[in-house]
Each structure stands twice: as structure tokens, then as C-alpha cells.
Amino acid sequence: MLSKIKRSNYRLKILKYLQDIGEPRTPTEISSKTDISRSHVSRTLGNLKDSNLVEVLNPDAHYDRRYRITEKGTKIIEKIKEIQEE
């Protein structure tokens, strides 16, 4: 899992953003703050959700779904930071 995240700049950037902000965000908000297109953000969030690295707080909403990083996602980001500091 760790290598999969490290290989994808989008995954890493989105996870770091969600961890840093500490609050749920919509794909549009994430897109504007990370300079990743909204379509890429949405697709990446779907992949991260499937890996249990982010969760959707309002899954029944068709628009303005809010995502936050999970504990598993936070642990992955912390591990990547440790490796980068070595």
C-alpha cells in the first residue's frame, strides 16, 4: 500500500492536504487547493476510499460529498514522512 501511495503524486498530495487541513472537504475544494483537476480528484478519492484511506461523510449526496482522511490514511502519510526524512 505504501509504495502505491508513494508512486502516485495525486494520492499523496490529496492525502497530505486532507491531513493538514484536518476537516472534511469536497472534491471541488480539494481541487482548488491542490491544483489537481476536479475529475482527477474525484477519481483519486474513489481509489483512496476503496483502500480505506479516506471516507465519505455523506455518501448519499450526489453533489458536495465531503471526504476526510481515515486513521489508516494518517498512518500511511506519517510513515511516508518518516521515510522522506531519512
Protein backbone atom coordinates (compact mmCIF):
# COMPACT_ATOMS: atom_id res chain seq x y z
CA MET A 1 0.00 0.00 0.00
CA LEU A 2 2.79 2.41 0.94
CA SER A 3 4.55 2.05 -2.41
CA LYS A 4 1.25 2.54 -4.27
CA ILE A 5 0.71 5.88 -2.49
CA LYS A 6 4.32 6.99 -3.00
CA ARG A 7 4.08 6.28 -6.74
CA SER A 8 1.03 8.48 -7.20
CA ASN A 9 1.56 12.21 -6.77
CA TYR A 10 -2.20 12.75 -6.79
CA ARG A 11 -2.87 10.26 -4.00
CA LEU A 12 -0.05 11.61 -1.89
CA LYS A 13 -0.97 15.25 -2.46
CA ILE A 14 -4.65 14.69 -1.64
CA LEU A 15 -3.91 12.66 1.49
CA LYS A 16 -1.41 15.25 2.73
CA TYR A 17 -3.90 18.04 2.10
CA LEU A 18 -6.70 16.28 3.98
CA GLN A 19 -4.36 15.53 6.87
CA ASP A 20 -3.03 19.10 7.02
CA ILE A 21 -6.46 20.74 6.83
CA GLY A 22 -7.93 18.38 9.42
CA GLU A 23 -11.51 18.88 8.25
CA PRO A 24 -13.72 17.20 5.64
CA ARG A 25 -13.57 18.73 2.17
CA THR A 26 -15.42 18.38 -1.13
CA PRO A 27 -13.67 17.35 -4.35
CA THR A 28 -14.07 20.93 -5.62
CA GLU A 29 -12.35 22.35 -2.53
CA ILE A 30 -9.58 19.77 -2.75
CA SER A 31 -9.11 20.51 -6.44
CA SER A 32 -8.76 24.25 -5.92
CA LYS A 33 -6.23 23.85 -3.10
CA THR A 34 -4.08 21.15 -4.70
CA ASP A 35 -4.14 22.32 -8.34
CA ILE A 36 -5.36 18.90 -9.45
CA SER A 37 -8.30 18.82 -11.86
CA ARG A 38 -11.64 18.02 -10.29
CA SER A 39 -12.03 14.88 -12.40
CA HIS A 40 -8.65 13.56 -11.23
CA VAL A 41 -9.50 14.44 -7.62
CA SER A 42 -12.82 12.58 -7.84
CA ARG A 43 -11.23 9.51 -9.40
CA THR A 44 -8.38 9.52 -6.89
CA LEU A 45 -10.76 9.93 -3.95
CA GLY A 46 -12.66 6.89 -5.20
CA ASN A 47 -9.44 4.86 -5.22
CA LEU A 48 -8.46 6.14 -1.78
CA LYS A 49 -11.93 5.29 -0.47
CA ASP A 50 -11.68 1.75 -1.85
CA SER A 51 -8.39 1.40 0.05
CA ASN A 52 -9.98 2.78 3.25
CA LEU A 53 -7.60 5.76 3.30
CA VAL A 54 -10.41 8.32 3.09
CA GLU A 55 -14.08 8.14 3.99
CA VAL A 56 -17.18 9.89 2.69
CA LEU A 57 -19.19 11.58 5.40
CA ASN A 58 -22.35 11.98 3.33
CA PRO A 59 -22.37 9.05 0.86
CA ASP A 60 -25.98 9.61 -0.20
CA ALA A 61 -25.22 13.10 -1.55
CA HIS A 62 -24.77 13.32 -5.30
CA TYR A 63 -23.06 16.70 -5.05
CA ASP A 64 -20.80 18.16 -2.42
CA ARG A 65 -19.72 14.87 -0.91
CA ARG A 66 -17.36 15.54 1.95
CA TYR A 67 -14.23 13.44 2.38
CA ARG A 68 -11.83 13.10 5.28
CA ILE A 69 -8.70 11.09 5.84
CA THR A 70 -9.05 7.92 7.91
CA GLU A 71 -6.77 6.74 10.69
CA LYS A 72 -5.25 4.28 8.21
CA GLY A 73 -4.61 7.14 5.77
CA THR A 74 -2.99 9.22 8.50
CA LYS A 75 -0.68 6.33 9.44
CA ILE A 76 0.37 5.92 5.80
CA ILE A 77 1.20 9.64 5.49
CA GLU A 78 3.18 9.59 8.75
CA LYS A 79 5.16 6.57 7.53
CA ILE A 80 5.93 8.31 4.22
CA LYS A 81 7.11 11.41 6.10
CA GLU A 82 9.43 9.25 8.23
CA ILE A 83 10.93 7.63 5.13
CA GLN A 84 11.41 11.00 3.41
CA GLU A 85 13.24 12.37 6.45
CA GLU A 86 15.79 9.53 6.42
